[in-house]
Amino acid sequence: MNLSKQVIGKRLKITSITNEEVTTRLSELGMFEGAIIKKLNQAPFSGPTLIQYNEFKLALRFDEASQISTEIYE
């Protein structure tokens, strides 16, 4: 399921990133496939998604979050 559709507050594992620009942006921050993130918030009406990775928080546009496939990490 893509990141934009996941439940807020869950820890998630990134399984794939389909957009090369998003892949580049996230890799510059040290975030690759297999990284464990937490979805903190989702703005309404296709707004940005707020995630936490390690000690920093990152806001992703709706279209960027839609390009990131994730699964719930337990």
N, C-alpha and C. Protein backbone atom coordinates (compact mmCIF):
# COMPACT_ATOMS: atom_id res chain seq x y z
N MET A 1 0.86 -1.17 0.00
CA MET A 1 0.00 0.00 0.00
C MET A 1 0.90 1.23 0.00
N ASN A 2 0.51 2.25 -0.75
CA ASN A 2 1.38 3.42 -0.78
C ASN A 2 1.23 4.25 0.50
N LEU A 3 2.24 5.05 0.75
CA LEU A 3 2.34 5.82 1.98
C LEU A 3 1.15 6.75 2.20
N SER A 4 0.63 7.33 1.14
CA SER A 4 -0.48 8.27 1.29
C SER A 4 -1.75 7.59 1.79
N LYS A 5 -1.86 6.27 1.65
CA LYS A 5 -3.06 5.54 2.08
C LYS A 5 -2.88 4.83 3.41
N GLN A 6 -1.69 4.85 3.98
CA GLN A 6 -1.43 4.15 5.25
C GLN A 6 -2.05 4.89 6.44
N VAL A 7 -2.20 4.17 7.51
CA VAL A 7 -2.81 4.71 8.74
C VAL A 7 -1.79 5.58 9.49
N ILE A 8 -2.26 6.69 10.03
CA ILE A 8 -1.41 7.59 10.82
C ILE A 8 -1.02 6.89 12.12
N GLY A 9 0.24 7.08 12.52
CA GLY A 9 0.73 6.55 13.78
C GLY A 9 1.41 5.19 13.67
N LYS A 10 1.38 4.57 12.51
CA LYS A 10 1.97 3.24 12.33
C LYS A 10 3.43 3.34 11.89
N ARG A 11 4.22 2.36 12.35
CA ARG A 11 5.59 2.22 11.84
C ARG A 11 5.52 1.44 10.54
N LEU A 12 6.23 1.92 9.54
CA LEU A 12 6.15 1.36 8.20
C LEU A 12 7.53 1.06 7.65
N LYS A 13 7.60 0.05 6.81
CA LYS A 13 8.84 -0.29 6.11
C LYS A 13 8.66 0.08 4.65
N ILE A 14 9.60 0.84 4.09
CA ILE A 14 9.55 1.21 2.68
C ILE A 14 9.93 -0.02 1.85
N THR A 15 9.02 -0.44 0.96
CA THR A 15 9.29 -1.61 0.13
C THR A 15 9.76 -1.23 -1.27
N SER A 16 9.31 -0.09 -1.79
CA SER A 16 9.78 0.38 -3.09
C SER A 16 9.41 1.84 -3.29
N ILE A 17 10.17 2.48 -4.16
CA ILE A 17 9.92 3.87 -4.53
C ILE A 17 9.92 3.91 -6.05
N THR A 18 8.80 4.30 -6.65
CA THR A 18 8.64 4.18 -8.10
C THR A 18 9.10 5.40 -8.89
N ASN A 19 9.33 6.51 -8.24
CA ASN A 19 9.72 7.74 -8.92
C ASN A 19 11.20 8.03 -8.66
N GLU A 20 11.97 8.23 -9.71
CA GLU A 20 13.41 8.44 -9.59
C GLU A 20 13.74 9.72 -8.81
N GLU A 21 12.98 10.79 -9.01
CA GLU A 21 13.23 12.05 -8.29
C GLU A 21 13.00 11.87 -6.79
N VAL A 22 11.95 11.15 -6.43
CA VAL A 22 11.67 10.88 -5.02
C VAL A 22 12.76 9.99 -4.43
N THR A 23 13.19 8.99 -5.19
CA THR A 23 14.27 8.11 -4.75
C THR A 23 15.54 8.92 -4.46
N THR A 24 15.89 9.83 -5.37
CA THR A 24 17.08 10.66 -5.20
C THR A 24 16.95 11.55 -3.97
N ARG A 25 15.80 12.20 -3.81
CA ARG A 25 15.58 13.10 -2.67
C ARG A 25 15.71 12.36 -1.35
N LEU A 26 15.08 11.21 -1.25
CA LEU A 26 15.12 10.45 -0.01
C LEU A 26 16.49 9.85 0.25
N SER A 27 17.16 9.40 -0.80
CA SER A 27 18.51 8.82 -0.61
C SER A 27 19.50 9.86 -0.14
N GLU A 28 19.32 11.12 -0.54
CA GLU A 28 20.18 12.19 -0.05
C GLU A 28 20.02 12.40 1.45
N LEU A 29 18.87 11.97 1.98
CA LEU A 29 18.61 12.07 3.42
C LEU A 29 18.94 10.76 4.14
N GLY A 30 19.45 9.78 3.38
CA GLY A 30 19.81 8.50 3.98
C GLY A 30 18.67 7.51 4.06
N MET A 31 17.58 7.79 3.37
CA MET A 31 16.39 6.94 3.43
C MET A 31 16.30 6.11 2.15
N PHE A 32 16.38 4.79 2.29
CA PHE A 32 16.36 3.88 1.15
C PHE A 32 15.26 2.85 1.34
N GLU A 33 15.06 1.98 0.34
CA GLU A 33 14.14 0.87 0.49
C GLU A 33 14.58 0.04 1.69
N GLY A 34 13.63 -0.37 2.50
CA GLY A 34 13.93 -1.11 3.71
C GLY A 34 13.98 -0.24 4.95
N ALA A 35 13.98 1.08 4.77
CA ALA A 35 14.01 2.00 5.92
C ALA A 35 12.69 1.91 6.69
N ILE A 36 12.79 2.08 8.01
CA ILE A 36 11.62 2.07 8.88
C ILE A 36 11.25 3.52 9.18
N ILE A 37 10.02 3.89 8.87
CA ILE A 37 9.53 5.25 9.09
C ILE A 37 8.25 5.19 9.92
N LYS A 38 7.80 6.34 10.37
CA LYS A 38 6.52 6.44 11.08
C LYS A 38 5.72 7.55 10.43
N LYS A 39 4.48 7.27 10.08
CA LYS A 39 3.59 8.28 9.51
C LYS A 39 2.98 9.06 10.67
N LEU A 40 3.28 10.36 10.73
CA LEU A 40 2.83 11.18 11.85
C LEU A 40 1.52 11.90 11.57
N ASN A 41 1.32 12.33 10.32
CA ASN A 41 0.12 13.10 10.02
C ASN A 41 -0.13 13.11 8.52
N GLN A 42 -1.37 13.40 8.15
CA GLN A 42 -1.76 13.52 6.75
C GLN A 42 -2.72 14.70 6.65
N ALA A 43 -2.35 15.70 5.89
CA ALA A 43 -3.24 16.85 5.71
C ALA A 43 -4.43 16.44 4.85
N PRO A 44 -5.59 17.05 5.08
CA PRO A 44 -6.77 16.69 4.30
C PRO A 44 -6.68 17.15 2.84
N PHE A 45 -7.58 16.60 2.02
CA PHE A 45 -7.71 17.01 0.62
C PHE A 45 -6.41 16.86 -0.16
N SER A 46 -5.81 15.69 -0.06
CA SER A 46 -4.57 15.36 -0.78
C SER A 46 -3.42 16.30 -0.43
N GLY A 47 -3.35 16.66 0.83
CA GLY A 47 -2.27 17.52 1.32
C GLY A 47 -1.03 16.71 1.65
N PRO A 48 -0.01 17.37 2.18
CA PRO A 48 1.25 16.69 2.49
C PRO A 48 1.13 15.64 3.59
N THR A 49 2.07 14.71 3.57
CA THR A 49 2.19 13.66 4.58
C THR A 49 3.42 13.94 5.42
N LEU A 50 3.28 13.90 6.73
CA LEU A 50 4.41 14.11 7.63
C LEU A 50 4.89 12.76 8.13
N ILE A 51 6.20 12.50 7.94
CA ILE A 51 6.78 11.24 8.41
C ILE A 51 7.97 11.53 9.32
N GLN A 52 8.33 10.53 10.09
CA GLN A 52 9.53 10.61 10.93
C GLN A 52 10.46 9.49 10.52
N TYR A 53 11.72 9.83 10.31
CA TYR A 53 12.76 8.85 10.01
C TYR A 53 13.93 9.14 10.92
N ASN A 54 14.27 8.17 11.77
CA ASN A 54 15.28 8.38 12.82
C ASN A 54 14.91 9.59 13.64
N GLU A 55 15.78 10.61 13.70
CA GLU A 55 15.50 11.76 14.56
C GLU A 55 14.91 12.96 13.83
N PHE A 56 14.65 12.85 12.52
CA PHE A 56 14.12 14.03 11.83
C PHE A 56 12.74 13.75 11.24
N LYS A 57 12.03 14.84 11.00
CA LYS A 57 10.69 14.79 10.41
C LYS A 57 10.75 15.39 9.02
N LEU A 58 9.93 14.86 8.14
CA LEU A 58 9.95 15.25 6.74
C LEU A 58 8.52 15.31 6.21
N ALA A 59 8.19 16.39 5.52
CA ALA A 59 6.89 16.52 4.87
C ALA A 59 7.05 16.17 3.39
N LEU A 60 6.18 15.30 2.91
CA LEU A 60 6.20 14.89 1.52
C LEU A 60 4.91 15.32 0.84
N ARG A 61 5.02 15.82 -0.38
CA ARG A 61 3.81 16.14 -1.15
C ARG A 61 3.00 14.87 -1.36
N PHE A 62 1.70 15.03 -1.58
CA PHE A 62 0.81 13.89 -1.77
C PHE A 62 1.30 13.01 -2.92
N ASP A 63 1.69 13.61 -4.04
CA ASP A 63 2.14 12.81 -5.19
C ASP A 63 3.44 12.07 -4.89
N GLU A 64 4.31 12.64 -4.05
CA GLU A 64 5.54 11.95 -3.65
C GLU A 64 5.21 10.76 -2.75
N ALA A 65 4.34 10.98 -1.77
CA ALA A 65 3.95 9.91 -0.85
C ALA A 65 3.25 8.77 -1.60
N SER A 66 2.56 9.11 -2.68
CA SER A 66 1.86 8.09 -3.47
C SER A 66 2.84 7.21 -4.25
N GLN A 67 4.06 7.65 -4.43
CA GLN A 67 5.08 6.90 -5.16
C GLN A 67 5.88 5.95 -4.25
N ILE A 68 5.61 5.99 -2.95
CA ILE A 68 6.36 5.19 -1.98
C ILE A 68 5.48 4.05 -1.49
N SER A 69 5.86 2.82 -1.82
CA SER A 69 5.13 1.65 -1.35
C SER A 69 5.66 1.23 0.02
N THR A 70 4.73 0.92 0.93
CA THR A 70 5.11 0.57 2.28
C THR A 70 4.29 -0.63 2.77
N GLU A 71 4.79 -1.22 3.83
CA GLU A 71 4.03 -2.26 4.54
C GLU A 71 4.19 -1.98 6.03
N ILE A 72 3.20 -2.39 6.80
CA ILE A 72 3.24 -2.17 8.25
C ILE A 72 4.38 -2.98 8.84
N TYR A 73 5.17 -2.34 9.68
CA TYR A 73 6.33 -2.96 10.31
C TYR A 73 5.99 -3.24 11.77
N GLU A 74 6.13 -4.48 12.17
CA GLU A 74 5.80 -4.82 13.56
C GLU A 74 7.00 -5.34 14.30
